[in-house]
Protein backbone atom coordinates (compact mmCIF):
# COMPACT_ATOMS: atom_id res chain seq x y z
CA GLU A 1 104.60 105.88 -8.60
CA GLN A 2 106.24 102.51 -7.34
CA GLU A 3 109.55 102.98 -8.69
CA ARG A 4 109.50 106.44 -6.28
CA GLN A 5 108.22 104.22 -3.29
CA ALA A 6 111.12 102.34 -3.80
CA ALA A 7 113.85 104.83 -4.41
CA ALA A 8 112.24 106.21 -1.16
CA ALA A 9 112.81 102.58 0.25
CA ASP A 10 116.68 102.40 -0.60
CA GLU A 11 117.59 105.54 0.47
CA ILE A 12 115.60 105.56 3.88
CA ALA A 13 117.75 102.04 4.59
CA ARG A 14 121.14 103.60 3.17
CA VAL A 15 120.16 106.00 5.85
CA LYS A 16 119.32 104.23 8.65
CA SER A 17 122.05 102.34 7.82
CA LEU A 18 124.81 105.56 7.95
CA ILE A 19 122.81 106.16 11.19
CA GLY A 20 123.54 102.99 12.75
CA ASN A 21 127.61 102.78 11.48
CA LYS A 22 127.81 106.60 12.84
CA VAL A 23 126.09 105.91 16.63
CA GLU A 24 127.80 102.61 16.98
CA GLY A 25 131.54 104.49 16.09
CA ALA A 26 130.85 107.17 18.98
CA TRP A 27 129.58 104.03 21.07
CA THR A 28 131.58 103.67 24.59
CA ARG A 29 130.86 100.13 25.55
CA PRO A 30 130.04 99.49 29.00
CA MET A 31 131.45 97.17 31.11
CA SER A 32 128.35 95.62 31.81
CA ALA A 33 127.52 95.45 28.15
CA THR A 34 126.93 91.39 26.91
CA GLN A 35 127.37 90.16 23.97
CA GLY A 36 123.44 90.33 21.99
CA LEU A 37 121.56 92.97 24.19
CA LYS A 38 120.15 95.51 21.87
CA CYS A 39 117.40 98.34 23.02
CA THR A 40 115.28 100.45 20.77
CA ILE A 41 115.47 104.67 20.58
CA GLN A 42 113.36 107.24 19.58
CA VAL A 43 115.45 109.80 17.90
CA LYS A 44 113.95 113.47 16.92
CA LEU A 45 115.96 115.17 14.47
CA LEU A 46 116.40 118.75 12.80
CA PRO A 47 116.19 118.52 9.18
CA SER A 48 120.10 119.59 9.74
CA GLY A 49 120.64 116.07 10.82
CA GLU A 50 121.50 117.93 14.30
CA VAL A 51 119.52 115.53 17.32
CA MET A 52 117.02 117.23 19.47
CA ASP A 53 116.34 114.40 21.79
CA ALA A 54 117.66 110.36 22.03
CA VAL A 55 114.95 108.52 24.41
CA VAL A 56 115.24 105.18 24.99
CA VAL A 57 111.62 103.42 24.03
CA GLY A 58 112.33 100.07 24.12
CA SER A 59 114.69 98.55 27.06
CA SER A 60 117.89 95.67 26.73
CA GLY A 61 117.42 94.89 30.61
CA ASP A 62 120.26 96.45 31.39
CA PRO A 63 120.25 100.58 32.06
CA VAL A 64 123.43 100.99 31.96
CA PHE A 65 123.64 99.64 28.27
CA ASP A 66 120.55 101.88 27.88
CA ARG A 67 121.97 104.88 29.13
CA SER A 68 125.38 104.80 27.05
CA ALA A 69 123.15 103.89 23.74
CA GLU A 70 120.85 106.91 24.22
CA ASN A 71 124.44 109.02 24.72
CA ALA A 72 125.95 107.68 21.68
CA VAL A 73 123.41 109.14 19.50
CA ARG A 74 123.70 112.31 21.00
CA LYS A 75 127.35 112.34 20.50
CA ALA A 76 127.12 111.37 16.61
CA SER A 77 125.24 114.15 16.29
CA PRO A 78 124.76 115.49 13.23
CA LEU A 79 123.95 112.43 11.97
CA PRO A 80 123.14 111.60 7.83
CA VAL A 81 119.81 112.77 6.39
CA PRO A 82 118.59 112.05 3.13
CA GLN A 83 118.60 115.31 1.09
CA ASP A 84 114.77 114.83 -0.16
CA ARG A 85 113.79 116.58 2.60
CA ALA A 86 109.82 114.84 2.07
CA VAL A 87 111.61 111.83 2.69
CA PHE A 88 113.11 113.04 5.77
CA ASN A 89 109.76 114.61 7.16
CA GLN A 90 108.40 111.48 6.79
CA SER A 91 110.47 109.40 7.95
CA PHE A 92 113.59 111.08 9.80
CA ARG A 93 112.06 113.69 11.52
CA VAL A 94 111.58 111.22 14.43
CA PHE A 95 112.02 107.69 14.17
CA THR A 96 113.32 104.31 16.59
CA PHE A 97 116.13 102.19 15.33
CA VAL A 98 117.58 99.44 17.26
CA PHE A 99 120.62 100.09 18.38
CA LYS A 100 122.50 96.33 18.83
CA PRO A 101 126.64 96.76 18.64
CA GLU A 102 128.41 93.39 17.29
């Protein structure tokens, strides 16, 4: 059981990293974006990885940056999802991630 949980945790971390990379690749930096900004986005996914919704739930304090991050999530659709349906349902159907491009 512990091994299964550890494998699931590794898979979750791996997929979140892939999602972060894909979103960052789809992001267009606004002129106002300063170094170190970050926001938290709640994402709702279909099993295919298609983004149903993306909403900023923790603002950076810069509305233009927040909107650009939301748009990047939508543009990056479909997002990578785990092969394991149980892991998807538990951790990726609705999840939050912190967007902080470097």
